[in-house]
Amino acid sequence: MKKLAHEAVIERVRQKIDAGEWKPGDRLPTMPKLAEAFGLSVTAVREALRVLETQRIVSIEHGRGIFLRHDPALAEDPAGKLREFTSSSLLQLLEARLVLEPELAAFCAERATVQQAGQIRRLADRMAEEMRDGGDHFSTDVLFHQAIAEAANNPLLAQMLEVVSDLSAKGRRETDRLPHMNVKAQHYHTLIAIAIEERQPEQARALMKAHIRDMIAAVKQAWS
């Protein structure tokens, strides 16, 4: 399967880190400069940085720049106690998402621009394509949920979601291993995207809630 543009950016960033060109604490070039250096679009760079931020590799500080993290397991990390996943900590992460994401989906259906709603639908379609081709859909999954949070146009709720987003990378990897979870997630993503496009907040809320409750039930069953 052909590598997506943002995946190529992630690979280039990791190469520079591994080569020692960028060291912990360094401020990275701006998005336009990274796009020019990599020969890719600013959109691809932005998507890649969102994934890298979720994976705690970079920190995006608005008004200051993009920084390579000193240590992905900082002592002051408020979610640090959950880093080693057990069934209970994974459930805690999912319960936190259950509180936040259904409302974000509803707000998104009410407030998203046509362009934002279209991007969310494209991400849902991309995940379906990646799954059909047997590719890794992890970064697309992350971007889908981030796009909904941003399009909800409530910065406070989006920031609250970021508290658990640091754990989402590993948490989603864990739930991906559960039987049939990938197929179910992709199905929910498509339905949620359609509800957002059609401006149906109650439907978007209900689908997101069902999506996360389905994951919670699967985790409980797997660990019972």
N, C-alpha and C. Protein backbone atom coordinates (compact mmCIF):
# COMPACT_ATOMS: atom_id res chain seq x y z
N MET A 1 0.85 -1.20 0.00
CA MET A 1 0.00 0.00 0.00
C MET A 1 0.88 1.24 0.00
N LYS A 2 0.50 2.23 -0.80
CA LYS A 2 1.28 3.45 -0.90
C LYS A 2 1.25 4.21 0.42
N LYS A 3 2.43 4.70 0.83
CA LYS A 3 2.53 5.46 2.07
C LYS A 3 1.80 6.79 1.93
N LEU A 4 0.98 7.13 2.92
CA LEU A 4 0.30 8.42 2.92
C LEU A 4 1.29 9.53 3.21
N ALA A 5 0.94 10.75 2.78
CA ALA A 5 1.87 11.87 2.90
C ALA A 5 2.27 12.13 4.35
N HIS A 6 1.29 12.12 5.27
CA HIS A 6 1.64 12.42 6.66
C HIS A 6 2.50 11.30 7.27
N GLU A 7 2.33 10.07 6.79
CA GLU A 7 3.17 8.98 7.28
C GLU A 7 4.61 9.16 6.83
N ALA A 8 4.78 9.70 5.63
CA ALA A 8 6.13 9.99 5.14
C ALA A 8 6.79 11.07 6.00
N VAL A 9 6.01 12.05 6.43
CA VAL A 9 6.55 13.10 7.31
C VAL A 9 6.97 12.50 8.64
N ILE A 10 6.13 11.64 9.22
CA ILE A 10 6.46 11.00 10.50
C ILE A 10 7.77 10.22 10.38
N GLU A 11 7.93 9.50 9.28
CA GLU A 11 9.15 8.73 9.06
C GLU A 11 10.37 9.65 8.97
N ARG A 12 10.24 10.78 8.26
CA ARG A 12 11.37 11.71 8.13
C ARG A 12 11.74 12.33 9.47
N VAL A 13 10.73 12.67 10.26
CA VAL A 13 10.99 13.24 11.58
C VAL A 13 11.72 12.23 12.46
N ARG A 14 11.27 10.99 12.44
CA ARG A 14 11.93 9.96 13.25
C ARG A 14 13.37 9.74 12.79
N GLN A 15 13.60 9.81 11.50
CA GLN A 15 14.96 9.65 10.97
C GLN A 15 15.88 10.74 11.49
N LYS A 16 15.39 11.97 11.53
CA LYS A 16 16.20 13.08 12.01
C LYS A 16 16.48 12.95 13.51
N ILE A 17 15.50 12.45 14.26
CA ILE A 17 15.72 12.23 15.68
C ILE A 17 16.75 11.13 15.89
N ASP A 18 16.59 10.02 15.17
CA ASP A 18 17.52 8.89 15.30
C ASP A 18 18.94 9.28 14.90
N ALA A 19 19.04 10.17 13.92
CA ALA A 19 20.35 10.60 13.44
C ALA A 19 20.99 11.64 14.36
N GLY A 20 20.24 12.11 15.33
CA GLY A 20 20.77 13.10 16.26
C GLY A 20 20.72 14.53 15.75
N GLU A 21 20.06 14.75 14.61
CA GLU A 21 19.95 16.11 14.07
C GLU A 21 19.06 16.97 14.95
N TRP A 22 18.03 16.37 15.53
CA TRP A 22 17.16 17.06 16.47
C TRP A 22 17.29 16.37 17.82
N LYS A 23 17.54 17.18 18.85
CA LYS A 23 17.74 16.64 20.19
C LYS A 23 16.61 17.09 21.11
N PRO A 24 16.40 16.35 22.21
CA PRO A 24 15.33 16.72 23.14
C PRO A 24 15.42 18.18 23.56
N GLY A 25 14.28 18.85 23.49
CA GLY A 25 14.24 20.26 23.84
C GLY A 25 14.41 21.21 22.67
N ASP A 26 14.88 20.69 21.53
CA ASP A 26 15.08 21.54 20.36
C ASP A 26 13.73 22.04 19.83
N ARG A 27 13.76 23.29 19.34
CA ARG A 27 12.58 23.79 18.64
C ARG A 27 12.71 23.43 17.17
N LEU A 28 11.70 22.78 16.66
CA LEU A 28 11.71 22.33 15.26
C LEU A 28 11.36 23.50 14.34
N PRO A 29 11.69 23.38 13.06
CA PRO A 29 11.28 24.41 12.10
C PRO A 29 9.76 24.55 12.06
N THR A 30 9.30 25.66 11.54
CA THR A 30 7.85 25.89 11.42
C THR A 30 7.25 24.89 10.43
N MET A 31 5.93 24.77 10.44
CA MET A 31 5.27 23.85 9.52
C MET A 31 5.57 24.16 8.06
N PRO A 32 5.51 25.43 7.65
CA PRO A 32 5.85 25.71 6.25
C PRO A 32 7.28 25.32 5.89
N LYS A 33 8.22 25.54 6.82
CA LYS A 33 9.60 25.17 6.54
C LYS A 33 9.79 23.66 6.50
N LEU A 34 9.09 22.95 7.36
CA LEU A 34 9.16 21.49 7.32
C LEU A 34 8.57 20.97 6.01
N ALA A 35 7.45 21.56 5.60
CA ALA A 35 6.82 21.16 4.34
C ALA A 35 7.77 21.37 3.17
N GLU A 36 8.46 22.51 3.18
CA GLU A 36 9.41 22.81 2.10
C GLU A 36 10.59 21.84 2.13
N ALA A 37 11.10 21.55 3.34
CA ALA A 37 12.25 20.65 3.47
C ALA A 37 11.92 19.23 3.05
N PHE A 38 10.70 18.79 3.35
CA PHE A 38 10.31 17.42 3.03
C PHE A 38 9.67 17.29 1.65
N GLY A 39 9.39 18.42 1.03
CA GLY A 39 8.76 18.39 -0.29
C GLY A 39 7.32 17.90 -0.24
N LEU A 40 6.64 18.21 0.87
CA LEU A 40 5.25 17.79 1.04
C LEU A 40 4.41 18.98 1.46
N SER A 41 3.10 18.79 1.56
CA SER A 41 2.20 19.90 1.86
C SER A 41 2.21 20.23 3.35
N VAL A 42 1.80 21.46 3.65
CA VAL A 42 1.66 21.89 5.04
C VAL A 42 0.59 21.04 5.74
N THR A 43 -0.45 20.66 5.01
CA THR A 43 -1.50 19.81 5.58
C THR A 43 -0.94 18.47 6.04
N ALA A 44 -0.08 17.87 5.23
CA ALA A 44 0.54 16.59 5.60
C ALA A 44 1.41 16.75 6.84
N VAL A 45 2.15 17.85 6.91
CA VAL A 45 3.00 18.11 8.07
C VAL A 45 2.13 18.31 9.32
N ARG A 46 1.05 19.05 9.18
CA ARG A 46 0.16 19.30 10.32
C ARG A 46 -0.42 17.99 10.85
N GLU A 47 -0.88 17.13 9.97
CA GLU A 47 -1.45 15.84 10.38
C GLU A 47 -0.39 14.99 11.07
N ALA A 48 0.82 14.98 10.52
CA ALA A 48 1.90 14.20 11.11
C ALA A 48 2.23 14.69 12.52
N LEU A 49 2.28 16.00 12.69
CA LEU A 49 2.62 16.56 14.01
C LEU A 49 1.54 16.26 15.03
N ARG A 50 0.29 16.20 14.61
CA ARG A 50 -0.78 15.83 15.53
C ARG A 50 -0.57 14.42 16.05
N VAL A 51 -0.21 13.52 15.16
CA VAL A 51 0.05 12.13 15.56
C VAL A 51 1.26 12.07 16.48
N LEU A 52 2.33 12.77 16.13
CA LEU A 52 3.56 12.76 16.93
C LEU A 52 3.32 13.37 18.30
N GLU A 53 2.44 14.36 18.37
CA GLU A 53 2.12 14.95 19.66
C GLU A 53 1.36 13.95 20.52
N THR A 54 0.42 13.22 19.92
CA THR A 54 -0.32 12.19 20.66
C THR A 54 0.62 11.12 21.17
N GLN A 55 1.66 10.83 20.40
CA GLN A 55 2.64 9.81 20.79
C GLN A 55 3.70 10.36 21.74
N ARG A 56 3.55 11.64 22.13
CA ARG A 56 4.46 12.30 23.08
C ARG A 56 5.87 12.42 22.53
N ILE A 57 6.02 12.58 21.25
CA ILE A 57 7.33 12.77 20.64
C ILE A 57 7.62 14.26 20.50
N VAL A 58 6.61 15.04 20.14
CA VAL A 58 6.76 16.49 20.05
C VAL A 58 5.70 17.17 20.91
N SER A 59 5.94 18.42 21.18
CA SER A 59 4.99 19.25 21.90
C SER A 59 4.72 20.49 21.05
N ILE A 60 3.46 20.76 20.75
CA ILE A 60 3.08 21.93 19.97
C ILE A 60 2.57 22.99 20.93
N GLU A 61 3.33 24.07 21.07
CA GLU A 61 2.98 25.14 21.99
C GLU A 61 2.56 26.36 21.18
N HIS A 62 1.29 26.68 21.22
CA HIS A 62 0.76 27.76 20.41
C HIS A 62 1.43 29.09 20.80
N GLY A 63 1.93 29.78 19.80
CA GLY A 63 2.59 31.04 20.03
C GLY A 63 4.08 30.91 20.27
N ARG A 64 4.54 29.69 20.50
CA ARG A 64 5.97 29.46 20.77
C ARG A 64 6.63 28.59 19.71
N GLY A 65 5.96 27.52 19.32
CA GLY A 65 6.53 26.67 18.30
C GLY A 65 6.35 25.19 18.57
N ILE A 66 7.12 24.40 17.84
CA ILE A 66 7.07 22.93 17.94
C ILE A 66 8.37 22.47 18.58
N PHE A 67 8.28 21.70 19.64
CA PHE A 67 9.47 21.27 20.38
C PHE A 67 9.55 19.75 20.47
N LEU A 68 10.77 19.25 20.42
CA LEU A 68 11.00 17.82 20.66
C LEU A 68 11.00 17.62 22.16
N ARG A 69 10.20 16.70 22.64
CA ARG A 69 10.07 16.50 24.08
C ARG A 69 11.38 16.04 24.70
N HIS A 70 11.59 16.48 25.94
CA HIS A 70 12.78 16.05 26.68
C HIS A 70 12.68 14.58 27.06
N ASP A 71 11.49 14.21 27.55
CA ASP A 71 11.30 12.85 28.07
C ASP A 71 9.82 12.52 27.97
N PRO A 72 9.47 11.46 27.24
CA PRO A 72 8.05 11.13 27.08
C PRO A 72 7.37 10.67 28.35
N ALA A 73 8.14 10.48 29.42
CA ALA A 73 7.53 10.03 30.68
C ALA A 73 7.87 11.02 31.79
N LEU A 74 7.59 12.30 31.56
CA LEU A 74 7.89 13.33 32.53
C LEU A 74 7.17 13.07 33.85
N ALA A 75 7.88 13.37 34.92
CA ALA A 75 7.31 13.11 36.24
C ALA A 75 6.04 13.90 36.48
N GLU A 76 5.96 15.13 35.90
CA GLU A 76 4.80 15.94 36.16
C GLU A 76 3.61 15.57 35.28
N ASP A 77 3.78 14.57 34.44
CA ASP A 77 2.69 14.13 33.56
C ASP A 77 1.49 13.73 34.42
N PRO A 78 0.35 14.40 34.32
CA PRO A 78 -0.80 14.06 35.16
C PRO A 78 -1.36 12.69 34.89
N ALA A 79 -1.03 12.13 33.75
CA ALA A 79 -1.56 10.80 33.42
C ALA A 79 -0.51 9.72 33.61
N GLY A 80 0.62 10.06 34.21
CA GLY A 80 1.73 9.13 34.30
C GLY A 80 1.41 7.82 34.99
N LYS A 81 0.51 7.86 35.96
CA LYS A 81 0.18 6.64 36.70
C LYS A 81 -0.52 5.62 35.84
N LEU A 82 -1.00 6.05 34.66
CA LEU A 82 -1.73 5.12 33.81
C LEU A 82 -0.89 4.58 32.67
N ARG A 83 0.41 4.87 32.68
CA ARG A 83 1.21 4.53 31.51
C ARG A 83 1.35 3.04 31.30
N GLU A 84 1.44 2.29 32.36
CA GLU A 84 1.52 0.84 32.22
C GLU A 84 0.09 0.31 32.20
N PHE A 85 -0.35 -0.13 31.04
CA PHE A 85 -1.75 -0.48 30.88
C PHE A 85 -2.11 -1.81 31.55
N THR A 86 -3.19 -1.76 32.30
CA THR A 86 -3.85 -2.94 32.82
C THR A 86 -5.29 -2.83 32.34
N SER A 87 -6.09 -3.81 32.63
CA SER A 87 -7.49 -3.72 32.23
C SER A 87 -8.16 -2.52 32.88
N SER A 88 -7.85 -2.27 34.17
CA SER A 88 -8.51 -1.16 34.87
C SER A 88 -8.06 0.18 34.33
N SER A 89 -6.77 0.36 34.03
CA SER A 89 -6.32 1.65 33.52
C SER A 89 -6.83 1.90 32.11
N LEU A 90 -6.92 0.85 31.31
CA LEU A 90 -7.48 1.01 29.97
C LEU A 90 -8.95 1.40 30.06
N LEU A 91 -9.66 0.82 31.00
CA LEU A 91 -11.07 1.18 31.20
C LEU A 91 -11.19 2.63 31.67
N GLN A 92 -10.27 3.08 32.51
CA GLN A 92 -10.29 4.46 32.96
C GLN A 92 -10.13 5.42 31.79
N LEU A 93 -9.23 5.09 30.88
CA LEU A 93 -9.04 5.92 29.69
C LEU A 93 -10.32 5.96 28.85
N LEU A 94 -10.91 4.80 28.63
CA LEU A 94 -12.13 4.74 27.83
C LEU A 94 -13.28 5.47 28.51
N GLU A 95 -13.37 5.39 29.83
CA GLU A 95 -14.42 6.10 30.54
C GLU A 95 -14.23 7.61 30.43
N ALA A 96 -12.98 8.06 30.45
CA ALA A 96 -12.71 9.49 30.26
C ALA A 96 -13.14 9.94 28.87
N ARG A 97 -12.86 9.11 27.88
CA ARG A 97 -13.30 9.43 26.52
C ARG A 97 -14.83 9.41 26.42
N LEU A 98 -15.47 8.50 27.16
CA LEU A 98 -16.92 8.40 27.13
C LEU A 98 -17.58 9.68 27.66
N VAL A 99 -16.94 10.32 28.63
CA VAL A 99 -17.48 11.56 29.17
C VAL A 99 -17.36 12.70 28.15
N LEU A 100 -16.24 12.76 27.45
CA LEU A 100 -15.93 13.91 26.60
C LEU A 100 -16.38 13.77 25.14
N GLU A 101 -16.09 12.64 24.53
CA GLU A 101 -16.20 12.57 23.08
C GLU A 101 -17.63 12.58 22.52
N PRO A 102 -18.63 12.00 23.19
CA PRO A 102 -19.98 12.12 22.63
C PRO A 102 -20.45 13.58 22.52
N GLU A 103 -20.13 14.40 23.54
CA GLU A 103 -20.52 15.81 23.47
C GLU A 103 -19.73 16.55 22.40
N LEU A 104 -18.46 16.21 22.26
CA LEU A 104 -17.66 16.83 21.20
C LEU A 104 -18.23 16.49 19.83
N ALA A 105 -18.68 15.26 19.67
CA ALA A 105 -19.27 14.85 18.39
C ALA A 105 -20.57 15.62 18.12
N ALA A 106 -21.37 15.82 19.17
CA ALA A 106 -22.63 16.56 19.01
C ALA A 106 -22.35 18.02 18.66
N PHE A 107 -21.42 18.65 19.37
CA PHE A 107 -21.06 20.03 19.06
C PHE A 107 -20.50 20.14 17.65
N CYS A 108 -19.72 19.13 17.27
CA CYS A 108 -19.14 19.12 15.93
C CYS A 108 -20.24 19.11 14.87
N ALA A 109 -21.26 18.30 15.07
CA ALA A 109 -22.36 18.24 14.10
C ALA A 109 -23.09 19.57 13.99
N GLU A 110 -23.10 20.34 15.06
CA GLU A 110 -23.76 21.64 15.07
C GLU A 110 -22.89 22.75 14.49
N ARG A 111 -21.57 22.66 14.74
CA ARG A 111 -20.70 23.81 14.53
C ARG A 111 -19.65 23.66 13.43
N ALA A 112 -19.38 22.45 12.99
CA ALA A 112 -18.31 22.24 12.01
C ALA A 112 -18.61 22.98 10.72
N THR A 113 -17.57 23.52 10.11
CA THR A 113 -17.74 24.10 8.78
C THR A 113 -17.91 22.97 7.77
N VAL A 114 -18.33 23.34 6.58
CA VAL A 114 -18.46 22.34 5.51
C VAL A 114 -17.12 21.67 5.26
N GLN A 115 -16.05 22.47 5.30
CA GLN A 115 -14.71 21.92 5.05
C GLN A 115 -14.30 20.95 6.16
N GLN A 116 -14.59 21.30 7.41
CA GLN A 116 -14.25 20.42 8.53
C GLN A 116 -15.03 19.12 8.47
N ALA A 117 -16.32 19.22 8.18
CA ALA A 117 -17.15 18.01 8.07
C ALA A 117 -16.66 17.13 6.94
N GLY A 118 -16.26 17.75 5.83
CA GLY A 118 -15.73 16.98 4.71
C GLY A 118 -14.44 16.27 5.05
N GLN A 119 -13.56 16.95 5.82
CA GLN A 119 -12.30 16.32 6.23
C GLN A 119 -12.56 15.13 7.14
N ILE A 120 -13.53 15.25 8.04
CA ILE A 120 -13.86 14.14 8.94
C ILE A 120 -14.36 12.94 8.13
N ARG A 121 -15.19 13.22 7.13
CA ARG A 121 -15.70 12.13 6.27
C ARG A 121 -14.55 11.49 5.49
N ARG A 122 -13.62 12.30 5.00
CA ARG A 122 -12.48 11.74 4.25
C ARG A 122 -11.61 10.86 5.14
N LEU A 123 -11.45 11.25 6.40
CA LEU A 123 -10.66 10.43 7.32
C LEU A 123 -11.36 9.09 7.59
N ALA A 124 -12.69 9.12 7.71
CA ALA A 124 -13.43 7.86 7.89
C ALA A 124 -13.28 6.97 6.66
N ASP A 125 -13.36 7.57 5.48
CA ASP A 125 -13.20 6.80 4.25
C ASP A 125 -11.78 6.27 4.11
N ARG A 126 -10.80 7.08 4.54
CA ARG A 126 -9.41 6.64 4.45
C ARG A 126 -9.16 5.43 5.35
N MET A 127 -9.74 5.46 6.55
CA MET A 127 -9.57 4.32 7.46
C MET A 127 -10.16 3.06 6.84
N ALA A 128 -11.32 3.19 6.21
CA ALA A 128 -11.94 2.04 5.56
C ALA A 128 -11.03 1.50 4.46
N GLU A 129 -10.44 2.39 3.69
CA GLU A 129 -9.54 1.98 2.61
C GLU A 129 -8.30 1.29 3.15
N GLU A 130 -7.73 1.85 4.21
CA GLU A 130 -6.53 1.27 4.81
C GLU A 130 -6.82 -0.14 5.34
N MET A 131 -7.99 -0.32 5.92
CA MET A 131 -8.34 -1.63 6.44
C MET A 131 -8.55 -2.63 5.31
N ARG A 132 -9.17 -2.20 4.22
CA ARG A 132 -9.36 -3.09 3.06
C ARG A 132 -8.02 -3.53 2.49
N ASP A 133 -7.05 -2.61 2.50
CA ASP A 133 -5.73 -2.90 1.93
C ASP A 133 -4.79 -3.57 2.92
N GLY A 134 -5.26 -3.77 4.14
CA GLY A 134 -4.43 -4.41 5.15
C GLY A 134 -3.35 -3.52 5.71
N GLY A 135 -3.52 -2.21 5.57
CA GLY A 135 -2.50 -1.27 6.06
C GLY A 135 -2.73 -0.87 7.51
N ASP A 136 -1.79 -0.10 8.04
CA ASP A 136 -1.88 0.40 9.41
C ASP A 136 -2.76 1.64 9.41
N HIS A 137 -3.87 1.59 10.12
CA HIS A 137 -4.81 2.70 10.14
C HIS A 137 -4.74 3.50 11.43
N PHE A 138 -3.73 3.24 12.25
CA PHE A 138 -3.66 3.87 13.57
C PHE A 138 -3.66 5.40 13.50
N SER A 139 -2.78 5.97 12.67
CA SER A 139 -2.67 7.43 12.62
C SER A 139 -3.96 8.05 12.10
N THR A 140 -4.65 7.39 11.19
CA THR A 140 -5.91 7.91 10.67
C THR A 140 -6.98 7.90 11.76
N ASP A 141 -6.97 6.86 12.58
CA ASP A 141 -7.89 6.78 13.72
C ASP A 141 -7.68 7.98 14.65
N VAL A 142 -6.41 8.25 14.97
CA VAL A 142 -6.08 9.38 15.85
C VAL A 142 -6.56 10.69 15.24
N LEU A 143 -6.27 10.89 13.97
CA LEU A 143 -6.64 12.13 13.29
C LEU A 143 -8.15 12.32 13.24
N PHE A 144 -8.89 11.23 13.06
CA PHE A 144 -10.35 11.30 13.01
C PHE A 144 -10.91 11.91 14.29
N HIS A 145 -10.47 11.38 15.43
CA HIS A 145 -10.98 11.87 16.70
C HIS A 145 -10.49 13.29 16.99
N GLN A 146 -9.27 13.60 16.61
CA GLN A 146 -8.77 14.96 16.80
C GLN A 146 -9.52 15.96 15.94
N ALA A 147 -9.85 15.56 14.73
CA ALA A 147 -10.58 16.46 13.82
C ALA A 147 -11.95 16.80 14.39
N ILE A 148 -12.61 15.83 15.00
CA ILE A 148 -13.92 16.07 15.61
C ILE A 148 -13.77 17.03 16.79
N ALA A 149 -12.76 16.82 17.63
CA ALA A 149 -12.55 17.70 18.78
C ALA A 149 -12.30 19.14 18.34
N GLU A 150 -11.51 19.32 17.30
CA GLU A 150 -11.22 20.66 16.82
C GLU A 150 -12.45 21.32 16.22
N ALA A 151 -13.21 20.55 15.45
CA ALA A 151 -14.39 21.11 14.77
C ALA A 151 -15.54 21.37 15.72
N ALA A 152 -15.46 20.87 16.96
CA ALA A 152 -16.49 21.17 17.96
C ALA A 152 -16.43 22.63 18.39
N ASN A 153 -15.29 23.28 18.12
CA ASN A 153 -15.12 24.71 18.41
C ASN A 153 -15.36 25.04 19.88
N ASN A 154 -14.84 24.18 20.74
CA ASN A 154 -14.84 24.45 22.18
C ASN A 154 -13.42 24.13 22.67
N PRO A 155 -12.55 25.13 22.66
CA PRO A 155 -11.14 24.89 23.02
C PRO A 155 -10.96 24.27 24.39
N LEU A 156 -11.82 24.60 25.35
CA LEU A 156 -11.68 24.05 26.69
C LEU A 156 -11.91 22.55 26.68
N LEU A 157 -12.98 22.10 26.03
CA LEU A 157 -13.24 20.67 25.94
C LEU A 157 -12.14 19.95 25.17
N ALA A 158 -11.66 20.59 24.11
CA ALA A 158 -10.58 19.99 23.33
C ALA A 158 -9.32 19.83 24.17
N GLN A 159 -9.04 20.82 25.02
CA GLN A 159 -7.87 20.74 25.90
C GLN A 159 -8.05 19.66 26.95
N MET A 160 -9.28 19.52 27.45
CA MET A 160 -9.55 18.45 28.42
C MET A 160 -9.30 17.08 27.80
N LEU A 161 -9.68 16.95 26.53
CA LEU A 161 -9.46 15.68 25.85
C LEU A 161 -7.97 15.40 25.68
N GLU A 162 -7.16 16.46 25.57
CA GLU A 162 -5.72 16.28 25.41
C GLU A 162 -5.09 15.61 26.64
N VAL A 163 -5.73 15.76 27.80
CA VAL A 163 -5.20 15.13 29.01
C VAL A 163 -5.14 13.61 28.85
N VAL A 164 -6.15 13.06 28.17
CA VAL A 164 -6.14 11.61 27.95
C VAL A 164 -5.53 11.24 26.60
N SER A 165 -5.33 12.22 25.73
CA SER A 165 -4.81 11.91 24.40
C SER A 165 -3.39 11.36 24.44
N ASP A 166 -2.61 11.77 25.45
CA ASP A 166 -1.25 11.24 25.58
C ASP A 166 -1.27 9.73 25.74
N LEU A 167 -2.34 9.22 26.31
CA LEU A 167 -2.46 7.78 26.52
C LEU A 167 -3.18 7.08 25.37
N SER A 168 -3.78 7.86 24.50
CA SER A 168 -4.61 7.27 23.45
C SER A 168 -3.83 6.38 22.50
N ALA A 169 -2.59 6.75 22.24
CA ALA A 169 -1.80 5.95 21.30
C ALA A 169 -1.71 4.51 21.77
N LYS A 170 -1.26 4.32 22.99
CA LYS A 170 -1.13 2.96 23.49
C LYS A 170 -2.50 2.33 23.73
N GLY A 171 -3.46 3.14 24.23
CA GLY A 171 -4.79 2.62 24.49
C GLY A 171 -5.46 2.10 23.23
N ARG A 172 -5.32 2.83 22.13
CA ARG A 172 -5.93 2.39 20.88
C ARG A 172 -5.22 1.16 20.35
N ARG A 173 -3.91 1.09 20.55
CA ARG A 173 -3.19 -0.12 20.13
C ARG A 173 -3.72 -1.33 20.88
N GLU A 174 -4.02 -1.14 22.17
CA GLU A 174 -4.54 -2.24 22.97
C GLU A 174 -5.92 -2.67 22.47
N THR A 175 -6.82 -1.71 22.26
CA THR A 175 -8.16 -2.08 21.82
C THR A 175 -8.15 -2.64 20.40
N ASP A 176 -7.18 -2.22 19.58
CA ASP A 176 -7.07 -2.76 18.23
C ASP A 176 -6.85 -4.27 18.24
N ARG A 177 -6.26 -4.77 19.31
CA ARG A 177 -5.96 -6.20 19.37
C ARG A 177 -7.19 -7.04 19.72
N LEU A 178 -8.24 -6.38 20.16
CA LEU A 178 -9.44 -7.12 20.54
C LEU A 178 -10.16 -7.63 19.30
N PRO A 179 -10.76 -8.80 19.37
CA PRO A 179 -11.41 -9.41 18.20
C PRO A 179 -12.46 -8.50 17.56
N HIS A 180 -12.34 -8.31 16.26
CA HIS A 180 -13.31 -7.57 15.44
C HIS A 180 -13.42 -6.08 15.78
N MET A 181 -12.58 -5.57 16.69
CA MET A 181 -12.73 -4.18 17.11
C MET A 181 -12.43 -3.20 15.98
N ASN A 182 -11.45 -3.53 15.14
CA ASN A 182 -11.12 -2.63 14.04
C ASN A 182 -12.30 -2.44 13.10
N VAL A 183 -12.96 -3.53 12.75
CA VAL A 183 -14.10 -3.46 11.84
C VAL A 183 -15.22 -2.64 12.46
N LYS A 184 -15.48 -2.86 13.74
CA LYS A 184 -16.54 -2.11 14.42
C LYS A 184 -16.20 -0.62 14.47
N ALA A 185 -14.95 -0.32 14.80
CA ALA A 185 -14.54 1.08 14.89
C ALA A 185 -14.69 1.79 13.56
N GLN A 186 -14.27 1.13 12.49
CA GLN A 186 -14.38 1.74 11.16
C GLN A 186 -15.85 1.99 10.81
N HIS A 187 -16.72 1.06 11.16
CA HIS A 187 -18.15 1.21 10.89
C HIS A 187 -18.71 2.41 11.65
N TYR A 188 -18.36 2.50 12.93
CA TYR A 188 -18.82 3.64 13.72
C TYR A 188 -18.29 4.96 13.15
N HIS A 189 -17.04 4.98 12.76
CA HIS A 189 -16.45 6.21 12.21
C HIS A 189 -17.25 6.70 11.00
N THR A 190 -17.59 5.79 10.13
CA THR A 190 -18.35 6.17 8.94
C THR A 190 -19.72 6.74 9.32
N LEU A 191 -20.41 6.08 10.24
CA LEU A 191 -21.73 6.55 10.66
C LEU A 191 -21.65 7.90 11.37
N ILE A 192 -20.62 8.08 12.20
CA ILE A 192 -20.44 9.35 12.90
C ILE A 192 -20.16 10.47 11.90
N ALA A 193 -19.31 10.19 10.93
CA ALA A 193 -18.98 11.19 9.91
C ALA A 193 -20.22 11.60 9.13
N ILE A 194 -21.07 10.64 8.80
CA ILE A 194 -22.31 10.94 8.07
C ILE A 194 -23.23 11.81 8.92
N ALA A 195 -23.35 11.47 10.21
CA ALA A 195 -24.20 12.25 11.10
C ALA A 195 -23.71 13.69 11.21
N ILE A 196 -22.40 13.87 11.23
CA ILE A 196 -21.82 15.22 11.30
C ILE A 196 -22.10 15.97 10.00
N GLU A 197 -21.90 15.31 8.88
CA GLU A 197 -22.18 15.93 7.58
C GLU A 197 -23.64 16.35 7.46
N GLU A 198 -24.53 15.53 8.00
CA GLU A 198 -25.97 15.79 7.88
C GLU A 198 -26.52 16.64 9.01
N ARG A 199 -25.63 17.16 9.87
CA ARG A 199 -26.00 18.07 10.95
C ARG A 199 -27.02 17.42 11.90
N GLN A 200 -26.66 16.23 12.37
CA GLN A 200 -27.53 15.50 13.30
C GLN A 200 -26.79 15.30 14.62
N PRO A 201 -26.79 16.31 15.49
CA PRO A 201 -26.01 16.22 16.74
C PRO A 201 -26.42 15.08 17.66
N GLU A 202 -27.73 14.83 17.78
CA GLU A 202 -28.16 13.74 18.66
C GLU A 202 -27.67 12.39 18.14
N GLN A 203 -27.70 12.22 16.82
CA GLN A 203 -27.23 10.98 16.22
C GLN A 203 -25.72 10.84 16.40
N ALA A 204 -25.00 11.94 16.20
CA ALA A 204 -23.54 11.90 16.36
C ALA A 204 -23.17 11.56 17.80
N ARG A 205 -23.90 12.16 18.75
CA ARG A 205 -23.64 11.88 20.17
C ARG A 205 -23.90 10.40 20.47
N ALA A 206 -25.03 9.91 20.04
CA ALA A 206 -25.42 8.52 20.33
C ALA A 206 -24.44 7.53 19.71
N LEU A 207 -24.00 7.81 18.50
CA LEU A 207 -23.06 6.89 17.82
C LEU A 207 -21.70 6.89 18.50
N MET A 208 -21.21 8.08 18.88
CA MET A 208 -19.92 8.13 19.56
C MET A 208 -20.00 7.43 20.91
N LYS A 209 -21.10 7.62 21.61
CA LYS A 209 -21.28 6.94 22.89
C LYS A 209 -21.32 5.43 22.69
N ALA A 210 -22.03 4.97 21.68
CA ALA A 210 -22.11 3.53 21.41
C ALA A 210 -20.74 2.99 21.02
N HIS A 211 -19.99 3.76 20.23
CA HIS A 211 -18.64 3.37 19.80
C HIS A 211 -17.74 3.11 21.01
N ILE A 212 -17.73 4.04 21.95
CA ILE A 212 -16.84 3.91 23.09
C ILE A 212 -17.36 2.86 24.08
N ARG A 213 -18.67 2.80 24.25
CA ARG A 213 -19.24 1.76 25.13
C ARG A 213 -18.95 0.36 24.58
N ASP A 214 -18.93 0.24 23.27
CA ASP A 214 -18.61 -1.03 22.64
C ASP A 214 -17.18 -1.44 22.98
N MET A 215 -16.26 -0.47 22.97
CA MET A 215 -14.87 -0.77 23.33
C MET A 215 -14.77 -1.15 24.80
N ILE A 216 -15.50 -0.46 25.65
CA ILE A 216 -15.48 -0.77 27.08
C ILE A 216 -15.97 -2.20 27.31
N ALA A 217 -17.06 -2.57 26.64
CA ALA A 217 -17.59 -3.92 26.80
C ALA A 217 -16.60 -4.97 26.31
N ALA A 218 -15.90 -4.67 25.20
CA ALA A 218 -14.93 -5.62 24.66
C ALA A 218 -13.75 -5.80 25.60
N VAL A 219 -13.30 -4.70 26.21
CA VAL A 219 -12.18 -4.79 27.16
C VAL A 219 -12.59 -5.61 28.37
N LYS A 220 -13.79 -5.36 28.89
CA LYS A 220 -14.26 -6.11 30.06
C LYS A 220 -14.37 -7.61 29.75
N GLN A 221 -14.85 -7.92 28.56
CA GLN A 221 -14.98 -9.32 28.17
C GLN A 221 -13.62 -9.98 28.00
N ALA A 222 -12.68 -9.24 27.39
CA ALA A 222 -11.35 -9.80 27.15
C ALA A 222 -10.59 -10.06 28.44
N TRP A 223 -10.85 -9.25 29.46
CA TRP A 223 -10.11 -9.38 30.71
C TRP A 223 -10.90 -10.12 31.78
N SER A 224 -12.08 -10.61 31.45
CA SER A 224 -12.89 -11.31 32.46
C SER A 224 -12.37 -12.73 32.67
